[in-house]
Amino acid sequence: MEGKGTVLIQHNVGDQMVTTRLYPVLYIPELSTRLLSMGEFLQQGLCVYSNAHEISLNYKCDTLLTCQPLIDGQTTYWLNAKTTHVEEHAHENIYLVDYDLMHRRLGHPSKDVMTHAQRNVNGFPKSVTIPSQSPVCPGCAQGKIPASAHPPSDTRATAPFERIHSDLKSFPVVSYHKYKYFVSFIDDFTSYAWIVLLRDKASAITALKHLWLWPVISTTHALKNGCLMLGENTSLMPLFELLRMRV
């Protein structure tokens, strides 16, 4: 699948020519036949009435689409329709302006920004519903991915705590005990892992201090080097102070 969008089709419902908007439509270059998903229609609230001669998709008492076999006795039902373009004045009646659309058009702002924009920006669609939970946006997720990945390494630590890999991540929902983040530590030699729950990013430095002191107290090994990813908007001054104390 290479794309997802909207298609307008013209077809007959009884003796009347009508225009119908289909969404979502998936673009698959290798597909030679245009297929209609019965499950998608049912999920959108339509009802199916069928017999040996036709399959009709209805919304309440209105028939929206009618599919028929090309030859009586065939089990494949076809919709006699053609794609078309919408007239300029009819855009508002056919294309739905929702939260996802405004989020993409305004440059992927946060939900709080969208909420303030709805109240303070002239012309902002009043019909846009701000979701209670922030939906996952592929564009926002890709934008937070680092441009360059860490190169692979063929070396391995030769003793415990010689090399520690660490990363700081956030939970999508704050936990019952108000934990928003967690920091992970993985020993390169033993593959042993520790996870520490955090209420704020600044607490990652405290967790690092505890990890740094633990091998000195409990074992004969000392932490020599590590790879630490604290994420954006994290103050590095406490980390520099910690490193200066260890030198």
Protein backbone atom coordinates (compact mmCIF):
# COMPACT_ATOMS: atom_id res chain seq x y z
CA MET A 1 0.00 0.00 0.00
CA GLU A 2 1.44 3.36 -1.06
CA GLY A 3 -1.38 5.78 -0.31
CA LYS A 4 -4.68 6.46 1.43
CA GLY A 5 -7.29 8.99 0.40
CA THR A 6 -10.75 9.77 -0.91
CA VAL A 7 -12.44 8.91 -4.21
CA LEU A 8 -15.66 10.32 -5.67
CA ILE A 9 -17.71 8.02 -7.87
CA GLN A 10 -20.81 8.53 -10.02
CA HIS A 11 -23.34 5.72 -10.26
CA ASN A 12 -27.05 5.06 -10.53
CA VAL A 13 -29.35 4.51 -7.58
CA GLY A 14 -32.58 3.46 -9.21
CA ASP A 15 -33.12 5.90 -12.09
CA GLN A 16 -31.07 8.73 -10.53
CA MET A 17 -27.38 9.51 -11.11
CA VAL A 18 -25.68 10.30 -7.79
CA THR A 19 -22.17 11.13 -6.55
CA THR A 20 -20.80 9.15 -3.60
CA ARG A 21 -17.69 9.78 -1.54
CA LEU A 22 -15.64 6.69 -0.63
CA TYR A 23 -13.21 6.89 2.29
CA PRO A 24 -10.78 5.44 3.12
CA VAL A 25 -9.49 4.30 -0.27
CA LEU A 26 -6.14 2.46 -0.29
CA TYR A 27 -3.80 2.81 -3.27
CA ILE A 28 -2.08 -0.52 -4.06
CA PRO A 29 -0.21 -0.34 -7.41
CA GLU A 30 -0.03 -4.14 -7.81
CA LEU A 31 -3.82 -4.50 -7.51
CA SER A 32 -5.46 -4.81 -10.93
CA THR A 33 -9.10 -4.72 -9.72
CA ARG A 34 -10.82 -2.11 -7.57
CA LEU A 35 -12.30 -3.87 -4.55
CA LEU A 36 -14.97 -2.68 -2.12
CA SER A 37 -14.63 -3.78 1.49
CA MET A 38 -17.93 -5.04 2.87
CA GLY A 39 -16.49 -4.96 6.38
CA GLU A 40 -15.59 -1.26 6.07
CA PHE A 41 -19.16 -0.40 5.00
CA LEU A 42 -20.57 -2.33 7.94
CA GLN A 43 -18.17 -0.64 10.37
CA GLN A 44 -19.40 2.75 9.11
CA GLY A 45 -23.00 1.86 10.01
CA LEU A 46 -24.38 0.68 6.67
CA CYS A 47 -26.70 -2.33 6.32
CA VAL A 48 -26.49 -5.00 3.63
CA TYR A 49 -29.50 -6.46 1.82
CA SER A 50 -28.79 -9.13 -0.75
CA ASN A 51 -30.24 -11.84 -2.92
CA ALA A 52 -29.10 -13.81 -5.96
CA HIS A 53 -29.54 -10.77 -8.24
CA GLU A 54 -28.03 -7.86 -6.28
CA ILE A 55 -26.36 -6.60 -3.12
CA SER A 56 -27.50 -3.21 -1.84
CA LEU A 57 -25.85 -1.09 0.84
CA ASN A 58 -28.36 0.97 2.81
CA TYR A 59 -28.14 3.68 5.41
CA LYS A 60 -31.38 3.68 7.40
CA CYS A 61 -34.02 3.57 4.64
CA ASP A 62 -31.89 4.98 1.81
CA THR A 63 -30.04 2.82 -0.72
CA LEU A 64 -26.51 4.14 -1.30
CA LEU A 65 -24.90 1.49 -3.53
CA THR A 66 -26.18 -1.44 -5.57
CA CYS A 67 -23.88 -4.18 -6.90
CA GLN A 68 -24.94 -6.80 -9.42
CA PRO A 69 -23.28 -9.76 -11.18
CA LEU A 70 -22.35 -9.22 -14.82
CA ILE A 71 -24.08 -12.47 -15.72
CA ASP A 72 -26.80 -14.24 -13.75
CA GLY A 73 -25.30 -17.05 -11.72
CA GLN A 74 -21.94 -15.39 -11.11
CA THR A 75 -20.81 -15.01 -7.50
CA THR A 76 -18.84 -11.79 -8.06
CA TYR A 77 -20.92 -8.62 -7.74
CA TRP A 78 -19.87 -5.42 -9.54
CA LEU A 79 -20.65 -1.75 -9.00
CA ASN A 80 -21.27 0.10 -12.28
CA ALA A 81 -19.58 3.43 -11.49
CA LYS A 82 -16.91 5.85 -12.67
CA THR A 83 -14.62 8.21 -10.79
CA THR A 84 -15.36 11.92 -10.98
CA HIS A 85 -14.30 15.29 -9.58
CA VAL A 86 -16.24 17.49 -7.20
CA GLU A 87 -17.38 20.97 -8.12
CA GLU A 88 -15.66 23.76 -6.23
CA HIS A 89 -18.73 24.93 -4.32
CA ALA A 90 -19.50 21.40 -3.08
CA HIS A 91 -16.22 20.74 -1.22
CA GLU A 92 -17.65 21.50 2.22
CA ASN A 93 -20.52 19.07 1.72
CA ILE A 94 -18.33 16.15 0.64
CA TYR A 95 -14.98 16.49 2.39
CA LEU A 96 -15.10 16.16 6.16
CA VAL A 97 -12.95 18.59 8.15
CA ASP A 98 -11.90 16.67 11.27
CA TYR A 99 -9.17 16.80 13.90
CA ASP A 100 -6.68 14.72 11.89
CA LEU A 101 -7.05 16.96 8.83
CA MET A 102 -6.57 20.22 10.78
CA HIS A 103 -3.67 18.69 12.71
CA ARG A 104 -1.84 17.90 9.48
CA ARG A 105 -2.68 21.18 7.71
CA LEU A 106 -1.51 23.33 10.64
CA GLY A 107 1.89 21.61 10.83
CA HIS A 108 1.21 18.91 13.47
CA PRO A 109 0.57 21.06 16.57
CA SER A 110 -0.21 19.48 19.94
CA LYS A 111 -3.71 18.83 21.21
CA ASP A 112 -3.46 21.81 23.59
CA VAL A 113 -2.58 24.13 20.70
CA MET A 114 -5.52 22.81 18.69
CA THR A 115 -7.83 23.42 21.65
CA HIS A 116 -6.71 27.06 21.99
CA ALA A 117 -6.88 27.55 18.21
CA GLN A 118 -10.51 26.48 18.16
CA ARG A 119 -11.38 29.16 20.71
CA ASN A 120 -9.12 31.99 19.53
CA VAL A 121 -8.54 31.66 15.76
CA ASN A 122 -11.02 33.27 13.40
CA GLY A 123 -12.42 30.85 10.87
CA PHE A 124 -11.35 27.70 12.71
CA PRO A 125 -14.04 25.05 12.03
CA LYS A 126 -16.35 24.78 15.02
CA SER A 127 -17.31 21.26 13.98
CA VAL A 128 -13.83 19.88 14.76
CA THR A 129 -13.98 17.66 17.85
CA ILE A 130 -10.83 17.63 20.00
CA PRO A 131 -10.26 14.01 21.15
CA SER A 132 -9.87 13.31 24.86
CA GLN A 133 -6.69 11.30 24.19
CA SER A 134 -4.05 12.29 21.67
CA PRO A 135 -4.26 9.93 18.67
CA VAL A 136 -1.09 8.44 17.24
CA CYS A 137 0.07 10.57 14.29
CA PRO A 138 2.55 8.84 11.90
CA GLY A 139 4.03 12.21 10.89
CA CYS A 140 4.69 13.24 14.51
CA ALA A 141 6.20 9.84 15.30
CA GLN A 142 8.53 9.98 12.28
CA GLY A 143 9.53 13.55 13.12
CA LYS A 144 10.81 12.46 16.54
CA ILE A 145 13.01 9.72 15.07
CA PRO A 146 16.70 10.76 14.99
CA ALA A 147 18.00 11.46 11.51
CA SER A 148 21.08 9.26 11.98
CA ALA A 149 21.08 5.93 13.79
CA HIS A 150 23.91 4.65 15.93
CA PRO A 151 26.32 2.59 13.79
CA PRO A 152 26.49 -1.12 14.64
CA SER A 153 29.38 -2.28 16.80
CA ASP A 154 31.22 -5.61 16.59
CA THR A 155 32.81 -5.24 20.03
CA ARG A 156 31.44 -6.60 23.31
CA ALA A 157 32.24 -5.74 26.90
CA THR A 158 34.55 -8.22 28.67
CA ALA A 159 33.25 -7.72 32.22
CA PRO A 160 30.05 -6.67 34.01
CA PHE A 161 29.41 -2.92 34.17
CA GLU A 162 32.16 -2.23 31.66
CA ARG A 163 29.61 -0.76 29.27
CA ILE A 164 25.98 0.22 30.02
CA HIS A 165 23.39 1.19 27.41
CA SER A 166 20.61 3.49 28.58
CA ASP A 167 17.57 5.21 27.15
CA LEU A 168 14.85 7.51 28.47
CA LYS A 169 11.29 7.04 27.22
CA SER A 170 7.84 8.38 28.07
CA PHE A 171 4.61 6.48 28.66
CA PRO A 172 1.61 7.44 26.48
CA VAL A 173 -0.53 7.67 29.66
CA VAL A 174 0.53 8.75 33.14
CA SER A 175 0.35 5.78 35.55
CA TYR A 176 -1.76 5.61 38.70
CA HIS A 177 1.29 6.58 40.78
CA LYS A 178 2.03 9.57 38.47
CA TYR A 179 4.95 8.00 36.62
CA LYS A 180 5.35 9.58 33.18
CA TYR A 181 8.81 8.32 32.13
CA PHE A 182 11.09 5.36 32.57
CA VAL A 183 14.83 4.96 32.11
CA SER A 184 16.35 1.63 31.10
CA PHE A 185 19.88 0.35 31.76
CA ILE A 186 21.25 -2.71 29.92
CA ASP A 187 24.60 -4.27 30.77
CA ASP A 188 26.52 -4.99 27.56
CA PHE A 189 28.32 -8.04 29.02
CA THR A 190 25.55 -9.90 30.89
CA SER A 191 22.52 -8.43 29.03
CA TYR A 192 20.99 -7.83 32.47
CA ALA A 193 18.53 -4.95 32.45
CA TRP A 194 17.14 -2.48 34.98
CA ILE A 195 14.12 -0.22 34.53
CA VAL A 196 13.46 2.76 36.82
CA LEU A 197 10.11 4.59 36.79
CA LEU A 198 10.32 8.39 36.83
CA ARG A 199 7.88 11.22 37.45
CA ASP A 200 10.02 13.74 35.53
CA LYS A 201 13.04 13.65 33.23
CA ALA A 202 15.32 15.31 35.77
CA SER A 203 15.04 12.20 37.99
CA ALA A 204 16.98 10.25 35.37
CA ILE A 205 20.20 11.76 36.78
CA THR A 206 19.34 10.40 40.24
CA ALA A 207 18.69 6.96 38.76
CA LEU A 208 22.04 7.15 36.99
CA LYS A 209 23.79 8.05 40.26
CA HIS A 210 22.28 5.00 41.96
CA LEU A 211 23.35 2.74 39.10
CA TRP A 212 26.83 4.23 39.14
CA LEU A 213 27.28 3.57 42.86
CA TRP A 214 25.66 0.11 42.96
CA PRO A 215 28.48 -1.88 41.26
CA VAL A 216 31.09 -0.11 43.41
CA ILE A 217 29.29 -1.11 46.63
CA SER A 218 28.06 -4.61 45.74
CA THR A 219 30.74 -5.92 43.34
CA THR A 220 34.40 -5.53 42.51
CA HIS A 221 33.57 -3.99 39.13
CA ALA A 222 33.09 -0.32 38.38
CA LEU A 223 31.07 1.32 35.67
CA LYS A 224 33.54 2.45 33.01
CA ASN A 225 31.53 3.83 30.08
CA GLY A 226 28.01 4.00 28.76
CA CYS A 227 25.69 5.23 26.07
CA LEU A 228 22.97 7.43 27.53
CA MET A 229 20.05 8.91 25.59
CA LEU A 230 18.13 11.39 27.74
CA GLY A 231 15.89 12.81 25.02
CA GLU A 232 15.09 16.42 24.25
CA ASN A 233 14.40 19.19 26.79
CA THR A 234 16.57 17.46 29.41
CA SER A 235 19.09 19.51 31.39
CA LEU A 236 22.62 18.12 31.00
CA MET A 237 24.24 20.16 33.77
CA PRO A 238 23.58 17.57 36.54
CA LEU A 239 25.05 14.91 34.26
CA PHE A 240 28.19 17.00 33.69
CA GLU A 241 28.55 17.49 37.45
CA LEU A 242 28.22 13.75 37.99
CA LEU A 243 30.87 13.01 35.40
CA ARG A 244 33.20 15.62 36.88
CA MET A 245 32.88 13.93 40.30
CA ARG A 246 33.77 10.54 38.82
CA VAL A 247 36.89 11.71 36.96
